[in-house]
C-alpha atoms as a PDB file:
ATOM      1  CA  MET A   1       9.237  34.845 -83.086  1.00  0.00           C
ATOM      2  CA  LYS A   2      12.200  35.513 -80.822  1.00  0.00           C
ATOM      3  CA  ARG A   3       9.911  36.955 -78.158  1.00  0.00           C
ATOM      4  CA  SER A   4       7.764  33.817 -78.251  1.00  0.00           C
ATOM      5  CA  ASN A   5      10.808  31.567 -77.872  1.00  0.00           C
ATOM      6  CA  ARG A   6      12.025  33.572 -74.904  1.00  0.00           C
ATOM      7  CA  LEU A   7       8.635  33.262 -73.253  1.00  0.00           C
ATOM      8  CA  VAL A   8       8.633  29.497 -73.742  1.00  0.00           C
ATOM      9  CA  ILE A   9      12.135  29.238 -72.266  1.00  0.00           C
ATOM     10  CA  LEU A  10      11.136  31.397 -69.260  1.00  0.00           C
ATOM     11  CA  VAL A  11       8.064  29.265 -68.577  1.00  0.00           C
ATOM     12  CA  GLY A  12      10.169  26.109 -68.832  1.00  0.00           C
ATOM     13  CA  VAL A  13      12.737  27.430 -66.344  1.00  0.00           C
ATOM     14  CA  LEU A  14       9.960  28.450 -63.940  1.00  0.00           C
ATOM     15  CA  LEU A  15       8.356  25.016 -64.126  1.00  0.00           C
ATOM     16  CA  ALA A  16      11.736  23.370 -63.514  1.00  0.00           C
ATOM     17  CA  VAL A  17      12.285  25.491 -60.414  1.00  0.00           C
ATOM     18  CA  LEU A  18       8.808  24.638 -59.064  1.00  0.00           C
ATOM     19  CA  ALA A  19       9.412  20.945 -59.718  1.00  0.00           C
ATOM     20  CA  PHE A  20      12.717  21.084 -57.846  1.00  0.00           C
ATOM     21  CA  ILE A  21      11.057  22.782 -54.856  1.00  0.00           C
ATOM     22  CA  ALA A  22       8.260  20.172 -54.857  1.00  0.00           C
ATOM     23  CA  ILE A  23      10.835  17.343 -54.900  1.00  0.00           C
ATOM     24  CA  VAL A  24      12.734  18.873 -51.956  1.00  0.00           C
ATOM     25  CA  VAL A  25       9.516  19.279 -49.929  1.00  0.00           C
ATOM     26  CA  PHE A  26       8.436  15.721 -50.717  1.00  0.00           C
ATOM     27  CA  LEU A  27      11.770  14.277 -49.671  1.00  0.00           C
ATOM     28  CA  ASN A  28      11.702  16.216 -46.397  1.00  0.00           C
ATOM     29  CA  GLN A  29       8.281  14.749 -45.603  1.00  0.00           C
ATOM     30  CA  GLY A  30       9.328  11.167 -46.279  1.00  0.00           C
ATOM     31  CA  PRO A  31       9.590   8.338 -43.722  1.00  0.00           C
ATOM     32  CA  GLY A  32      13.165   9.186 -42.858  1.00  0.00           C
ATOM     33  CA  ALA A  33      12.493  12.864 -42.156  1.00  0.00           C
ATOM     34  CA  PRO A  34      12.993  14.010 -38.532  1.00  0.00           C
ATOM     35  CA  GLN A  35       9.712  14.547 -36.671  1.00  0.00           C
ATOM     36  CA  GLN A  36       9.133  17.204 -34.028  1.00  0.00           C
ATOM     37  CA  GLU A  37       9.094  15.475 -30.593  1.00  0.00           C
ATOM     38  CA  VAL A  38       5.771  15.484 -28.761  1.00  0.00           C
ATOM     39  CA  GLN A  39       5.976  17.156 -25.341  1.00  0.00           C
ATOM     40  CA  ALA A  40       4.072  16.124 -22.189  1.00  0.00           C
ATOM     41  CA  THR A  41       2.612  18.587 -19.688  1.00  0.00           C
ATOM     42  CA  VAL A  42       3.538  18.109 -16.025  1.00  0.00           C
ATOM     43  CA  LEU A  43       3.376  20.154 -12.843  1.00  0.00           C
ATOM     44  CA  VAL A  44       6.548  21.255 -11.065  1.00  0.00           C
ATOM     45  CA  ALA A  45       6.991  22.882  -7.665  1.00  0.00           C
ATOM     46  CA  LYS A  46       7.801  26.590  -7.602  1.00  0.00           C
ATOM     47  CA  GLU A  47       9.208  26.220  -4.070  1.00  0.00           C
ATOM     48  CA  ASP A  48      10.230  23.525  -1.628  1.00  0.00           C
ATOM     49  CA  ILE A  49       7.200  21.570  -0.383  1.00  0.00           C
ATOM     50  CA  ALA A  50       7.512  19.950   3.043  1.00  0.00           C
ATOM     51  CA  ILE A  51       5.952  16.681   4.187  1.00  0.00           C
ATOM     52  CA  GLY A  52       2.379  17.320   5.289  1.00  0.00           C
ATOM     53  CA  GLN A  53       2.248  20.808   3.746  1.00  0.00           C
ATOM     54  CA  PRO A  54      -0.982  21.574   1.839  1.00  0.00           C
ATOM     55  CA  VAL A  55      -0.149  22.143  -1.830  1.00  0.00           C
ATOM     56  CA  THR A  56      -2.113  25.007  -3.370  1.00  0.00           C
ATOM     57  CA  PRO A  57      -2.297  25.934  -7.086  1.00  0.00           C
ATOM     58  CA  ASP A  58      -0.024  28.967  -6.618  1.00  0.00           C
ATOM     59  CA  MET A  59       2.797  26.646  -5.446  1.00  0.00           C
ATOM     60  CA  VAL A  60       3.049  24.784  -8.780  1.00  0.00           C
ATOM     61  CA  GLN A  61       3.309  25.567 -12.483  1.00  0.00           C
ATOM     62  CA  THR A  62       3.060  23.639 -15.727  1.00  0.00           C
ATOM     63  CA  LYS A  63       6.098  22.542 -17.700  1.00  0.00           C
ATOM     64  CA  LEU A  64       6.638  20.688 -20.981  1.00  0.00           C
ATOM     65  CA  VAL A  65       8.973  17.689 -20.829  1.00  0.00           C
ATOM     66  CA  PRO A  66       9.703  14.745 -23.127  1.00  0.00           C
ATOM     67  CA  PRO A  67       7.397  11.766 -22.536  1.00  0.00           C
ATOM     68  CA  THR A  68      10.346   9.837 -21.102  1.00  0.00           C
ATOM     69  CA  GLY A  69      10.877  12.604 -18.554  1.00  0.00           C
ATOM     70  CA  VAL A  70       7.463  12.230 -16.846  1.00  0.00           C
ATOM     71  CA  SER A  71       7.824  11.154 -13.211  1.00  0.00           C
ATOM     72  CA  GLY A  72       4.992   9.029 -11.800  1.00  0.00           C
ATOM     73  CA  THR A  73       1.397   9.743 -12.788  1.00  0.00           C
ATOM     74  CA  ALA A  74       1.400  13.264 -14.147  1.00  0.00           C
ATOM     75  CA  LEU A  75      -0.897  16.084 -13.102  1.00  0.00           C
ATOM     76  CA  THR A  76      -1.450  18.586 -15.905  1.00  0.00           C
ATOM     77  CA  ASP A  77      -3.269  21.521 -14.311  1.00  0.00           C
ATOM     78  CA  PRO A  78      -2.568  23.449 -11.061  1.00  0.00           C
ATOM     79  CA  SER A  79      -6.208  23.093 -10.023  1.00  0.00           C
ATOM     80  CA  GLN A  80      -5.640  19.347  -9.572  1.00  0.00           C
ATOM     81  CA  VAL A  81      -3.516  19.769  -6.420  1.00  0.00           C
ATOM     82  CA  GLY A  82      -6.539  21.130  -4.541  1.00  0.00           C
ATOM     83  CA  GLY A  83      -4.741  22.055  -1.312  1.00  0.00           C
ATOM     84  CA  ARG A  84      -4.048  18.414  -0.458  1.00  0.00           C
ATOM     85  CA  PRO A  85      -1.114  17.685   1.898  1.00  0.00           C
ATOM     86  CA  ALA A  86       2.024  16.178   0.398  1.00  0.00           C
ATOM     87  CA  VAL A  87       2.998  12.787   1.785  1.00  0.00           C
ATOM     88  CA  VAL A  88       6.610  13.222   0.644  1.00  0.00           C
ATOM     89  CA  ALA A  89       8.940  16.215   0.431  1.00  0.00           C
ATOM     90  CA  VAL A  90       9.199  17.844  -3.015  1.00  0.00           C
ATOM     91  CA  PRO A  91      12.146  20.186  -3.756  1.00  0.00           C
ATOM     92  CA  ALA A  92      11.649  23.259  -5.918  1.00  0.00           C
ATOM     93  CA  GLY A  93      11.665  22.369  -9.607  1.00  0.00           C
ATOM     94  CA  ALA A  94      10.730  18.724  -9.030  1.00  0.00           C
ATOM     95  CA  GLN A  95       7.560  17.252 -10.488  1.00  0.00           C
ATOM     96  CA  VAL A  96       4.341  17.170  -8.460  1.00  0.00           C
ATOM     97  CA  SER A  97       2.420  14.032  -9.415  1.00  0.00           C
ATOM     98  CA  LYS A  98      -0.421  11.951  -8.011  1.00  0.00           C
ATOM     99  CA  GLU A  99       2.179  10.007  -6.032  1.00  0.00           C
ATOM    100  CA  THR A 100       3.037  13.245  -4.204  1.00  0.00           C
ATOM    101  CA  PHE A 101      -0.338  12.870  -2.477  1.00  0.00           C
ATOM    102  CA  GLY A 102      -0.109   9.120  -1.910  1.00  0.00           C
ATOM    103  CA  GLU A 103      -2.204   8.119  -4.915  1.00  0.00           C
ATOM    104  CA  GLY A 104      -1.316   5.103  -7.024  1.00  0.00           C
ATOM    105  CA  LEU A 105       1.752   4.111  -5.008  1.00  0.00           C
ATOM    106  CA  LEU A 106       2.742   0.529  -5.821  1.00  0.00           C
ATOM    107  CA  VAL A 107       5.685   0.607  -3.428  1.00  0.00           C
ATOM    108  CA  VAL A 108       5.113   2.745  -0.318  1.00  0.00           C
ATOM    109  CA  ASN A 109       8.236   4.532   0.908  1.00  0.00           C
ATOM    110  CA  ILE A 110       7.427   4.868   4.620  1.00  0.00           C
ATOM    111  CA  PRO A 111      10.890   6.147   5.712  1.00  0.00           C
ATOM    112  CA  GLY A 112      10.728   8.821   3.007  1.00  0.00           C
ATOM    113  CA  GLN A 113       7.475  10.138   4.517  1.00  0.00           C
ATOM    114  CA  LEU A 114       8.855  10.530   8.043  1.00  0.00           C
ATOM    115  CA  LYS A 115      10.293  13.711   9.487  1.00  0.00           C
ATOM    116  CA  PRO A 116      13.385  13.511  11.741  1.00  0.00           C
ATOM    117  CA  GLY A 117      12.400  11.950  15.068  1.00  0.00           C
ATOM    118  CA  GLU A 118       9.148  10.442  13.779  1.00  0.00           C
ATOM    119  CA  LYS A 119       8.355   6.736  13.818  1.00  0.00           C
ATOM    120  CA  ALA A 120       5.749   4.763  11.875  1.00  0.00           C
ATOM    121  CA  VAL A 121       3.097   3.435  14.285  1.00  0.00           C
ATOM    122  CA  THR A 122       0.448   0.875  13.315  1.00  0.00           C
ATOM    123  CA  LEU A 123      -3.181   0.901  14.428  1.00  0.00           C
ATOM    124  CA  GLN A 124      -5.819  -1.693  13.495  1.00  0.00           C
ATOM    125  CA  LEU A 125      -9.461  -0.624  13.332  1.00  0.00           C
ATOM    126  CA  ASP A 126     -12.732  -1.894  11.911  1.00  0.00           C
ATOM    127  CA  ARG A 127     -15.245  -0.265   9.578  1.00  0.00           C
ATOM    128  CA  THR A 128     -16.908   1.718  12.375  1.00  0.00           C
ATOM    129  CA  THR A 129     -13.884   2.815  14.396  1.00  0.00           C
ATOM    130  CA  GLY A 130     -11.887   3.421  11.208  1.00  0.00           C
ATOM    131  CA  ALA A 131     -14.310   6.017   9.787  1.00  0.00           C
ATOM    132  CA  ASP A 132     -15.736   3.583   7.211  1.00  0.00           C
ATOM    133  CA  PHE A 133     -12.436   3.358   5.296  1.00  0.00           C
ATOM    134  CA  LEU A 134     -12.489   7.098   4.503  1.00  0.00           C
ATOM    135  CA  VAL A 135      -9.052   7.691   6.032  1.00  0.00           C
ATOM    136  CA  LYS A 136      -6.356   8.058   3.372  1.00  0.00           C
ATOM    137  CA  PRO A 137      -2.611   8.863   3.268  1.00  0.00           C
ATOM    138  CA  GLY A 138      -1.972  12.518   4.005  1.00  0.00           C
ATOM    139  CA  ASP A 139      -4.955  12.882   6.344  1.00  0.00           C
ATOM    140  CA  VAL A 140      -4.380  13.982   9.933  1.00  0.00           C
ATOM    141  CA  ILE A 141      -6.193  12.071  12.678  1.00  0.00           C
ATOM    142  CA  ASP A 142      -6.800  12.021  16.421  1.00  0.00           C
ATOM    143  CA  VAL A 143      -6.956   8.707  18.277  1.00  0.00           C
ATOM    144  CA  VAL A 144      -9.570   7.948  20.953  1.00  0.00           C
ATOM    145  CA  ILE A 145      -9.274   5.044  23.377  1.00  0.00           C
ATOM    146  CA  ALA A 146     -12.029   3.239  25.296  1.00  0.00           C
ATOM    147  CA  GLN A 147     -11.185   1.034  28.273  1.00  0.00           C
ATOM    148  CA  ASP A 148     -12.983  -0.825  31.032  1.00  0.00           C
ATOM    149  CA  VAL A 149     -11.369  -0.087  34.390  1.00  0.00           C
ATOM    150  CA  GLN A 150     -11.540  -2.298  37.498  1.00  0.00           C
ATOM    151  CA  VAL A 151     -13.022  -0.132  40.282  1.00  0.00           C
ATOM    152  CA  LEU A 152     -11.566  -0.931  43.713  1.00  0.00           C
ATOM    153  CA  GLN A 153     -12.263   0.133  47.285  1.00  0.00           C
ATOM    154  CA  PRO A 154     -10.380  -0.494  50.543  1.00  0.00           C
ATOM    155  CA  SER A 155     -11.252  -3.905  51.989  1.00  0.00           C
ATOM    156  CA  SER A 156     -12.394  -4.425  55.581  1.00  0.00           C
ATOM    157  CA  ASP A 157      -8.962  -5.647  56.627  1.00  0.00           C
ATOM    158  CA  SER A 158      -7.105  -2.756  54.986  1.00  0.00           C
ATOM    159  CA  THR A 159      -4.788  -0.684  57.205  1.00  0.00           C
ATOM    160  CA  ALA A 160      -2.554   2.309  56.637  1.00  0.00           C
ATOM    161  CA  GLN A 161       0.492   0.072  56.951  1.00  0.00           C
ATOM    162  CA  ASN A 162      -0.955  -2.745  54.848  1.00  0.00           C
ATOM    163  CA  PRO A 163      -3.553  -1.371  52.403  1.00  0.00           C
ATOM    164  CA  ARG A 164      -5.806  -3.910  50.722  1.00  0.00           C
ATOM    165  CA  PHE A 165      -8.462  -3.428  48.072  1.00  0.00           C
ATOM    166  CA  GLU A 166     -11.436  -5.305  46.688  1.00  0.00           C
ATOM    167  CA  PRO A 167     -13.717  -4.769  43.673  1.00  0.00           C
ATOM    168  CA  VAL A 168     -16.785  -2.595  44.139  1.00  0.00           C
ATOM    169  CA  THR A 169     -19.895  -4.676  43.552  1.00  0.00           C
ATOM    170  CA  GLY A 170     -21.551  -3.679  40.284  1.00  0.00           C
ATOM    171  CA  LEU A 171     -18.581  -1.558  39.197  1.00  0.00           C
ATOM    172  CA  SER A 172     -16.163  -4.258  38.148  1.00  0.00           C
ATOM    173  CA  ALA A 173     -15.778  -2.770  34.659  1.00  0.00           C
ATOM    174  CA  ALA A 174     -16.363   0.982  34.661  1.00  0.00           C
ATOM    175  CA  ARG A 175     -16.094   2.504  31.198  1.00  0.00           C
ATOM    176  CA  THR A 176     -13.662   5.354  30.504  1.00  0.00           C
ATOM    177  CA  VAL A 177     -12.988   7.099  27.164  1.00  0.00           C
ATOM    178  CA  LYS A 178     -10.294   9.632  26.287  1.00  0.00           C
ATOM    179  CA  THR A 179      -8.614  11.217  23.265  1.00  0.00           C
ATOM    180  CA  VAL A 180      -5.010  10.153  23.796  1.00  0.00           C
ATOM    181  CA  LEU A 181      -3.245  11.132  20.559  1.00  0.00           C
ATOM    182  CA  GLN A 182      -3.797  14.227  18.429  1.00  0.00           C
ATOM    183  CA  ASN A 183      -2.556  15.646  15.138  1.00  0.00           C
ATOM    184  CA  LYS A 184      -1.100  12.415  13.740  1.00  0.00           C
ATOM    185  CA  ARG A 185      -0.313  12.279  10.017  1.00  0.00           C
ATOM    186  CA  VAL A 186      -1.437   9.170   8.134  1.00  0.00           C
ATOM    187  CA  LEU A 187       1.274   7.496   6.034  1.00  0.00           C
ATOM    188  CA  TYR A 188      -0.466   4.382   4.744  1.00  0.00           C
ATOM    189  CA  VAL A 189      -3.886   2.726   4.829  1.00  0.00           C
ATOM    190  CA  SER A 190      -4.514  -0.957   4.094  1.00  0.00           C
ATOM    191  CA  GLN A 191      -8.080  -2.212   3.785  1.00  0.00           C
ATOM    192  CA  SER A 192      -9.032  -5.857   3.960  1.00  0.00           C
ATOM    193  CA  ARG A 193     -11.816  -8.310   4.607  1.00  0.00           C
ATOM    194  CA  ALA A 194     -10.279 -10.844   6.971  1.00  0.00           C
ATOM    195  CA  THR A 195     -11.915 -14.253   7.101  1.00  0.00           C
ATOM    196  CA  GLN A 196     -12.476 -15.543  10.625  1.00  0.00           C
ATOM    197  CA  THR A 197     -14.058 -18.798  11.744  1.00  0.00           C
ATOM    198  CA  ALA A 198     -16.429 -19.206  14.662  1.00  0.00           C
ATOM    199  CA  ALA A 199     -17.798 -22.476  16.010  1.00  0.00           C
ATOM    200  CA  THR A 200     -21.581 -22.389  16.385  1.00  0.00           C
ATOM    201  CA  PRO A 201     -23.056 -24.976  18.791  1.00  0.00           C
ATOM    202  CA  SER A 202     -25.986 -26.963  17.449  1.00  0.00           C
ATOM    203  CA  PRO A 203     -29.154 -27.100  19.579  1.00  0.00           C
ATOM    204  CA  GLY A 204     -29.034 -30.152  21.879  1.00  0.00           C
ATOM    205  CA  ALA A 205     -25.583 -31.190  20.673  1.00  0.00           C
ATOM    206  CA  GLU A 206     -22.704 -31.729  23.060  1.00  0.00           C
ATOM    207  CA  GLN A 207     -20.133 -30.789  20.480  1.00  0.00           C
ATOM    208  CA  PRO A 208     -20.191 -27.460  18.621  1.00  0.00           C
ATOM    209  CA  ALA A 209     -20.992 -27.485  14.958  1.00  0.00           C
ATOM    210  CA  ALA A 210     -18.328 -26.991  12.343  1.00  0.00           C
ATOM    211  CA  ALA A 211     -16.744 -23.569  12.259  1.00  0.00           C
ATOM    212  CA  GLN A 212     -18.473 -21.152   9.915  1.00  0.00           C
ATOM    213  CA  PRO A 213     -16.478 -18.538   7.953  1.00  0.00           C
ATOM    214  CA  GLN A 214     -17.248 -14.932   8.794  1.00  0.00           C
ATOM    215  CA  LEU A 215     -16.025 -11.849   6.947  1.00  0.00           C
ATOM    216  CA  THR A 216     -14.782  -9.007   9.106  1.00  0.00           C
ATOM    217  CA  ASP A 217     -13.914  -5.631   7.618  1.00  0.00           C
ATOM    218  CA  THR A 218     -10.661  -4.278   9.009  1.00  0.00           C
ATOM    219  CA  VAL A 219      -8.460  -1.303   8.236  1.00  0.00           C
ATOM    220  CA  LEU A 220      -4.782  -0.961   9.092  1.00  0.00           C
ATOM    221  CA  ILE A 221      -3.575   2.619   9.539  1.00  0.00           C
ATOM    222  CA  VAL A 222       0.105   3.566   9.732  1.00  0.00           C
ATOM    223  CA  PHE A 223       0.667   7.057  11.128  1.00  0.00           C
ATOM    224  CA  ALA A 224       3.679   9.215  11.959  1.00  0.00           C
ATOM    225  CA  GLY A 225       4.200   9.225  15.718  1.00  0.00           C
ATOM    226  CA  THR A 226       6.793   8.524  18.368  1.00  0.00           C
ATOM    227  CA  ASP A 227       8.016   5.546  20.352  1.00  0.00           C
ATOM    228  CA  GLN A 228       5.856   6.837  23.207  1.00  0.00           C
ATOM    229  CA  ASP A 229       2.803   6.610  20.938  1.00  0.00           C
ATOM    230  CA  ALA A 230       3.750   3.044  20.022  1.00  0.00           C
ATOM    231  CA  GLU A 231       4.059   2.143  23.711  1.00  0.00           C
ATOM    232  CA  LEU A 232       0.597   3.531  24.406  1.00  0.00           C
ATOM    233  CA  ILE A 233      -0.964   1.550  21.560  1.00  0.00           C
ATOM    234  CA  LYS A 234       0.788  -1.644  22.604  1.00  0.00           C
ATOM    235  CA  PHE A 235      -0.129  -1.262  26.288  1.00  0.00           C
ATOM    236  CA  ALA A 236      -3.809  -0.827  25.467  1.00  0.00           C
ATOM    237  CA  GLN A 237      -3.830  -3.972  23.336  1.00  0.00           C
ATOM    238  CA  ARG A 238      -3.292  -6.310  26.266  1.00  0.00           C
ATOM    239  CA  ASP A 239      -3.950  -9.539  24.419  1.00  0.00           C
ATOM    240  CA  ALA A 240      -4.498 -10.950  20.952  1.00  0.00           C
ATOM    241  CA  VAL A 241      -8.281 -10.782  21.254  1.00  0.00           C
ATOM    242  CA  GLU A 242      -8.222  -7.033  21.889  1.00  0.00           C
ATOM    243  CA  ALA A 243      -5.624  -6.433  19.185  1.00  0.00           C
ATOM    244  CA  SER A 244      -7.626  -8.259  16.528  1.00  0.00           C
ATOM    245  CA  GLY A 245     -10.979  -6.937  17.707  1.00  0.00           C
ATOM    246  CA  ALA A 246     -10.020  -3.410  16.588  1.00  0.00           C
ATOM    247  CA  ARG A 247     -12.534  -1.921  19.020  1.00  0.00           C
ATOM    248  CA  LEU A 248     -10.254  -0.339  21.610  1.00  0.00           C
ATOM    249  CA  PHE A 249      -9.467   2.655  19.426  1.00  0.00           C
ATOM    250  CA  SER A 250     -11.319   4.902  17.042  1.00  0.00           C
ATOM    251  CA  VAL A 251     -10.110   7.814  14.954  1.00  0.00           C
ATOM    252  CA  THR A 252     -11.414  11.242  14.071  1.00  0.00           C
ATOM    253  CA  ILE A 253     -10.320  13.042  10.898  1.00  0.00           C
ATOM    254  CA  ARG A 254      -9.073  16.632  11.133  1.00  0.00           C
ATOM    255  CA  ALA A 255      -9.556  19.517   8.723  1.00  0.00           C
ATOM    256  CA  THR A 256      -6.668  19.912   6.290  1.00  0.00           C
ATOM    257  CA  GLN A 257      -5.076  22.935   8.014  1.00  0.00           C
ATOM    258  CA  ASP A 258      -6.159  22.217  11.608  1.00  0.00           C
ATOM    259  CA  THR A 259      -3.065  21.947  13.837  1.00  0.00           C
ATOM    260  CA  ASP A 260      -4.526  22.910  17.225  1.00  0.00           C
ATOM    261  CA  ASN A 261      -4.695  20.314  19.973  1.00  0.00           C
ATOM    262  CA  GLU A 262      -7.971  20.299  21.886  1.00  0.00           C
ATOM    263  CA  ARG A 263      -7.857  19.764  25.641  1.00  0.00           C
ATOM    264  CA  THR A 264     -10.454  17.151  26.509  1.00  0.00           C
ATOM    265  CA  THR A 265     -11.763  15.934  29.859  1.00  0.00           C
ATOM    266  CA  GLY A 266     -12.352  12.344  28.857  1.00  0.00           C
ATOM    267  CA  ILE A 267     -15.649  10.645  29.628  1.00  0.00           C
ATOM    268  CA  THR A 268     -16.575   8.449  32.601  1.00  0.00           C
ATOM    269  CA  ILE A 269     -19.970   7.651  34.031  1.00  0.00           C
ATOM    270  CA  ASP A 270     -19.703  10.420  36.638  1.00  0.00           C
ATOM    271  CA  ARG A 271     -18.898  13.007  33.957  1.00  0.00           C
ATOM    272  CA  LEU A 272     -21.936  11.881  32.020  1.00  0.00           C
ATOM    273  CA  VAL A 273     -23.950  12.507  35.197  1.00  0.00           C
ATOM    274  CA  ASP A 274     -22.340  15.791  36.283  1.00  0.00           C
ATOM    275  CA  ASP A 275     -21.599  17.443  32.925  1.00  0.00           C
ATOM    276  CA  TYR A 276     -24.235  15.982  30.607  1.00  0.00           C
ATOM    277  CA  GLY A 277     -27.141  15.326  32.967  1.00  0.00           C
ATOM    278  CA  LEU A 278     -27.261  11.546  32.564  1.00  0.00           C
ATOM    279  CA  PRO A 279     -29.966  10.279  34.973  1.00  0.00           C
ATOM    280  CA  VAL A 280     -28.754   7.796  37.602  1.00  0.00           C
ATOM    281  CA  PRO A 281     -31.081   4.859  38.358  1.00  0.00           C
ATOM    282  CA  GLY A 282     -32.309   4.793  41.957  1.00  0.00           C
ATOM    283  CA  ILE A 283     -30.976   1.271  42.463  1.00  0.00           C
ATOM    284  CA  VAL A 284     -27.365   2.470  42.500  1.00  0.00           C
ATOM    285  CA  GLU A 285     -26.344   2.286  46.150  1.00  0.00           C
ATOM    286  CA  GLN A 286     -23.164   3.003  47.969  1.00  0.00           C
ATOM    287  CA  VAL A 287     -21.547   0.118  49.809  1.00  0.00           C
ATOM    288  CA  GLY A 288     -22.536   0.545  53.460  1.00  0.00           C
ATOM    289  CA  GLY A 289     -25.887   2.216  52.763  1.00  0.00           C
ATOM    290  CA  GLY A 290     -27.148   5.321  50.990  1.00  0.00           C
ATOM    291  CA  LYS A 291     -27.515   6.136  47.299  1.00  0.00           C
ATOM    292  CA  THR A 292     -24.677   7.519  45.245  1.00  0.00           C
ATOM    293  CA  LYS A 293     -23.272   7.520  41.737  1.00  0.00           C
ATOM    294  CA  PRO A 294     -20.087   5.787  40.719  1.00  0.00           C
ATOM    295  CA  GLY A 295     -16.950   7.816  41.328  1.00  0.00           C
ATOM    296  CA  ARG A 296     -14.181   8.702  38.906  1.00  0.00           C
END
């Protein structure tokens, strides 16, 4: 009888202990219990990353931070950097985000993308000359210019003391093309469809018809250059028509790690003839008799 009573008491104590443990666990899981904070995965730089430097997967690593500690639009895997050039400098230990490569920037920090001595230079292009809007921040471009040059020759009354010149008949606007800027880093690209109006004359009417709206695709590229580059761009755009036409310049896009500058000859009609075998029509005649091709 005593043994049975002891067994009942032992079972009762054991049940009481289990109940106490269950109550403690339940209370710890209640609404007021502290929850383990969720961590966010970001990429951080293992080393200092310079402006324009291609970022490869071995230059970054993942790190867990609180959600409030995420800077910009987070990248979560080293493969996402893909060797793209950084548009801003990133110190070692700082986060590498989409904004590092110019993606998703609501406010563009142009001064922060410039190296000492660089200036932001603006170039307006159209869909054709602007590589069909494929240029993006971080790309490196070369700039090609096309100009029509007035061809002159000494006039009949020209002397050594008083030289005079006159246009060459048929060569009043000789075309010349040259790559003038190379290895320029793109800071910002703005795409737009500008509405222009053009008056179209009606058949038999003295007054032109009402202006009709026309959509023109344009692209504005801001690149890192120098004051000399800005002077060149401004000089070529001699008037508002040329500046808005966006046809004077075109750009070529470089490979990511291409830093070599190519020495080019430029192209004129005589180079097309001499170097590329362009046939010259037989009607081209030199002033004063005899056939020739236009000179440089």
